[in-house]
Amino acid sequence: MTTQTVIHTRDVARDMARIYCKLSPMGIESLARLLQPVKISKGEMLMHEGEVCKNMYYVHRGMVRQFYYKNGKDVTEHFSFEGRICFCIESFLKQEPSKLMVEALEPSLVYALPYEALHVAMMQNSEIELFYRKVLEHALISSQEHADSQRFENAGERYARLLHTHREIVLRAPMLHVASFLQMTPETLSRVRSAYNKEHSRD
């Protein structure tokens, strides 16, 4: 890495520590050394079906989505934008091929945290181990909250929740993918958005 890249990865590591887990200056340096910048264009695949997820990706700029195909349909499972980490959890933990794919929805700059290097660092530094655990906790809680929303909330409630918790997704992601994420047809999402806007325009 160039000196400028090293300085920038240190800044990115500080951002990650603020979001996921407080780290000492030494812990930030250890995390920064793991980060590998990756630039991807809109529409470019960061990961294909059948590949092993060998990296966690921290989104520094842009937006990506995880998706899969079911009965020939494209199903969006997760969005990640600035300040979020994206990875296929089961494939990453097991180091086995994934059925999920990752696509850039915008020109994006992400930072890879390689599986092997991360696990070596965890053995040497308890702060990195704690950071890793906090990232996993965050990912699992987010996944559970989304699953509970699909199970227990109606279409309008799911849309309102997404607006409240992750407005960036509604503002930036194609509505086709947002509808898929919310387990709706695009037509249902259009009706839900119209009803929501009418109701809140009276507020």
Protein backbone atom coordinates (compact mmCIF):
# COMPACT_ATOMS: atom_id res chain seq x y z
CA MET A 1 0.00 0.00 0.00
CA THR A 2 1.08 3.58 -0.59
CA THR A 3 1.51 5.94 2.36
CA GLN A 4 -1.70 7.75 1.36
CA THR A 5 -3.62 4.46 1.25
CA VAL A 6 -2.28 3.48 4.68
CA ILE A 7 -3.43 6.82 6.13
CA HIS A 8 -6.84 6.39 4.53
CA THR A 9 -7.29 2.82 5.79
CA ARG A 10 -6.49 4.11 9.27
CA ASP A 11 -9.32 6.65 8.92
CA VAL A 12 -11.66 3.91 7.69
CA ALA A 13 -10.67 1.69 10.62
CA ARG A 14 -11.55 4.54 13.01
CA ASP A 15 -14.97 4.85 11.35
CA MET A 16 -15.54 1.12 11.72
CA ALA A 17 -14.53 1.24 15.38
CA ARG A 18 -17.01 4.05 16.04
CA ILE A 19 -19.81 1.99 14.51
CA TYR A 20 -19.09 -1.51 15.78
CA CYS A 21 -16.66 -1.58 18.67
CA LYS A 22 -14.41 0.94 20.42
CA LEU A 23 -10.74 0.16 19.72
CA SER A 24 -7.50 1.49 21.16
CA PRO A 25 -5.02 3.22 18.81
CA MET A 26 -3.15 -0.08 18.58
CA GLY A 27 -6.39 -1.92 17.77
CA ILE A 28 -7.19 0.61 15.04
CA GLU A 29 -3.73 0.11 13.55
CA SER A 30 -4.23 -3.67 13.58
CA LEU A 31 -7.60 -3.33 11.86
CA ALA A 32 -6.25 -0.84 9.32
CA ARG A 33 -3.53 -3.27 8.26
CA LEU A 34 -6.20 -5.82 7.33
CA LEU A 35 -8.22 -3.51 5.08
CA GLN A 36 -7.91 -3.86 1.31
CA PRO A 37 -9.62 -1.19 -0.87
CA VAL A 38 -11.78 -2.47 -3.74
CA LYS A 39 -13.47 -0.18 -6.28
CA ILE A 40 -16.50 -1.57 -8.10
CA SER A 41 -18.67 -0.08 -10.83
CA LYS A 42 -22.46 0.09 -10.86
CA GLY A 43 -23.79 -3.31 -11.88
CA GLU A 44 -20.51 -5.08 -11.17
CA MET A 45 -20.61 -8.30 -9.18
CA LEU A 46 -18.59 -8.40 -5.98
CA MET A 47 -19.45 -12.07 -5.49
CA HIS A 48 -21.04 -14.73 -7.71
CA GLU A 49 -23.20 -17.72 -6.83
CA GLY A 50 -21.09 -20.77 -6.04
CA GLU A 51 -18.11 -18.75 -4.79
CA VAL A 52 -16.82 -18.98 -1.24
CA CYS A 53 -17.20 -15.72 0.68
CA LYS A 54 -13.57 -15.02 1.54
CA ASN A 55 -14.07 -11.41 2.66
CA MET A 56 -16.19 -9.17 4.77
CA TYR A 57 -16.74 -5.90 2.91
CA TYR A 58 -17.10 -2.56 4.65
CA VAL A 59 -18.90 -0.07 2.41
CA HIS A 60 -17.07 3.24 2.55
CA ARG A 61 -18.92 4.77 -0.41
CA GLY A 62 -21.84 3.54 -2.49
CA MET A 63 -24.43 0.78 -2.11
CA VAL A 64 -24.44 -2.97 -2.71
CA ARG A 65 -27.09 -5.65 -2.37
CA GLN A 66 -27.11 -9.38 -1.62
CA PHE A 67 -29.54 -11.43 -3.66
CA TYR A 68 -30.35 -14.91 -4.91
CA TYR A 69 -32.61 -16.59 -7.44
CA LYS A 70 -35.70 -18.54 -6.40
CA ASN A 71 -37.99 -20.11 -9.00
CA GLY A 72 -36.31 -17.95 -11.61
CA LYS A 73 -36.97 -14.73 -9.68
CA ASP A 74 -34.37 -12.31 -8.37
CA VAL A 75 -34.81 -11.96 -4.59
CA THR A 76 -32.99 -9.21 -2.68
CA GLU A 77 -31.98 -10.27 0.82
CA HIS A 78 -29.92 -7.35 2.11
CA PHE A 79 -28.68 -3.85 1.27
CA SER A 80 -25.44 -2.32 2.53
CA PHE A 81 -24.42 1.32 2.14
CA GLU A 82 -21.96 3.70 3.83
CA GLY A 83 -20.97 2.47 7.28
CA ARG A 84 -22.36 -1.06 6.78
CA ILE A 85 -20.57 -4.37 6.42
CA CYS A 86 -21.65 -6.83 3.75
CA PHE A 87 -20.84 -10.54 3.71
CA CYS A 88 -22.58 -13.86 3.15
CA ILE A 89 -22.62 -15.07 6.74
CA GLU A 90 -23.00 -18.83 6.29
CA SER A 91 -20.46 -19.03 3.47
CA PHE A 92 -17.99 -16.84 5.36
CA LEU A 93 -18.26 -18.83 8.59
CA LYS A 94 -18.15 -22.26 6.95
CA GLN A 95 -15.88 -21.27 4.04
CA GLU A 96 -18.25 -23.10 1.72
CA PRO A 97 -19.83 -22.01 -1.61
CA SER A 98 -22.65 -19.50 -1.29
CA LYS A 99 -26.01 -19.34 -3.05
CA LEU A 100 -25.99 -15.59 -2.55
CA MET A 101 -24.55 -12.97 -4.89
CA VAL A 102 -23.42 -9.40 -4.22
CA GLU A 103 -23.95 -6.61 -6.76
CA ALA A 104 -23.03 -2.92 -6.71
CA LEU A 105 -26.08 -0.68 -7.14
CA GLU A 106 -23.87 2.41 -7.36
CA PRO A 107 -20.18 3.03 -8.10
CA SER A 108 -18.74 1.92 -4.78
CA LEU A 109 -15.57 1.82 -2.73
CA VAL A 110 -15.50 -1.06 -0.27
CA TYR A 111 -12.78 -2.36 2.03
CA ALA A 112 -12.23 -6.10 2.18
CA LEU A 113 -11.44 -7.89 5.44
CA PRO A 114 -9.98 -11.24 4.28
CA TYR A 115 -11.08 -14.33 6.21
CA GLU A 116 -7.61 -15.79 6.70
CA ALA A 117 -5.89 -12.55 7.72
CA LEU A 118 -8.77 -11.64 10.03
CA HIS A 119 -8.57 -14.96 11.88
CA VAL A 120 -4.80 -14.73 12.26
CA ALA A 121 -5.23 -11.21 13.67
CA MET A 122 -7.88 -12.42 16.11
CA MET A 123 -5.44 -14.97 17.52
CA GLN A 124 -2.89 -12.22 18.10
CA ASN A 125 -5.12 -9.36 19.24
CA SER A 126 -8.12 -9.67 21.57
CA GLU A 127 -9.46 -6.31 20.34
CA ILE A 128 -9.80 -7.66 16.81
CA GLU A 129 -11.53 -10.73 18.19
CA LEU A 130 -14.00 -8.49 20.05
CA PHE A 131 -14.52 -6.37 16.93
CA TYR A 132 -15.28 -9.52 14.90
CA ARG A 133 -17.79 -10.69 17.51
CA LYS A 134 -19.55 -7.32 17.50
CA VAL A 135 -19.81 -7.37 13.70
CA LEU A 136 -21.35 -10.86 13.82
CA GLU A 137 -23.78 -9.79 16.55
CA HIS A 138 -24.83 -6.77 14.50
CA ALA A 139 -25.34 -8.89 11.38
CA LEU A 140 -27.35 -11.55 13.20
CA ILE A 141 -29.58 -9.03 14.99
CA SER A 142 -30.22 -7.19 11.72
CA SER A 143 -31.10 -10.46 10.00
CA GLN A 144 -33.45 -11.46 12.82
CA GLU A 145 -35.19 -8.08 12.84
CA HIS A 146 -35.78 -8.33 9.10
CA ALA A 147 -37.11 -11.90 9.42
CA ASP A 148 -39.45 -10.87 12.23
CA SER A 149 -40.71 -7.96 10.14
CA GLN A 150 -41.57 -10.33 7.29
CA ARG A 151 -43.35 -12.70 9.66
CA PHE A 152 -45.32 -10.35 11.89
CA GLU A 153 -45.92 -7.09 9.99
CA ASN A 154 -48.22 -6.30 7.09
CA ALA A 155 -47.00 -4.63 3.90
CA GLY A 156 -47.63 -1.09 5.13
CA GLU A 157 -45.87 -1.72 8.42
CA ARG A 158 -42.85 -3.25 6.66
CA TYR A 159 -42.53 -0.23 4.38
CA ALA A 160 -42.91 2.22 7.28
CA ARG A 161 -40.27 0.36 9.26
CA LEU A 162 -37.82 0.50 6.36
CA LEU A 163 -38.40 4.24 5.95
CA HIS A 164 -37.83 4.76 9.66
CA THR A 165 -34.75 2.55 10.07
CA HIS A 166 -33.03 2.62 6.66
CA ARG A 167 -34.44 5.52 4.64
CA GLU A 168 -31.33 5.48 2.42
CA ILE A 169 -32.51 2.23 0.87
CA VAL A 170 -35.85 3.71 -0.23
CA LEU A 171 -34.15 6.85 -1.54
CA ARG A 172 -31.33 5.16 -3.45
CA ALA A 173 -32.17 1.55 -4.36
CA PRO A 174 -34.30 0.65 -7.41
CA MET A 175 -37.91 0.11 -6.34
CA LEU A 176 -37.89 -3.34 -7.97
CA HIS A 177 -35.23 -4.44 -5.47
CA VAL A 178 -36.90 -2.66 -2.55
CA ALA A 179 -40.14 -4.50 -3.32
CA SER A 180 -38.30 -7.81 -3.43
CA PHE A 181 -36.57 -7.05 -0.12
CA LEU A 182 -39.94 -6.31 1.49
CA GLN A 183 -41.46 -9.45 -0.08
CA MET A 184 -43.95 -7.49 -2.17
CA THR A 185 -44.67 -7.17 -5.84
CA PRO A 186 -43.71 -3.79 -7.35
CA GLU A 187 -47.45 -3.09 -7.76
CA THR A 188 -48.09 -3.69 -4.05
CA LEU A 189 -45.18 -1.48 -3.09
CA SER A 190 -46.53 1.29 -5.33
CA ARG A 191 -49.92 1.10 -3.59
CA VAL A 192 -48.31 1.00 -0.13
CA ARG A 193 -46.12 4.02 -0.90
CA SER A 194 -49.10 5.97 -2.24
CA ALA A 195 -51.19 5.19 0.85
CA TYR A 196 -48.29 6.08 3.16
CA ASN A 197 -47.66 9.39 1.38
CA LYS A 198 -51.35 10.32 1.49
CA GLU A 199 -51.61 9.54 5.19
CA HIS A 200 -48.50 11.48 6.14
CA SER A 201 -49.24 14.46 3.89
CA ARG A 202 -52.08 15.26 6.29
CA ASP A 203 -49.71 15.36 9.28
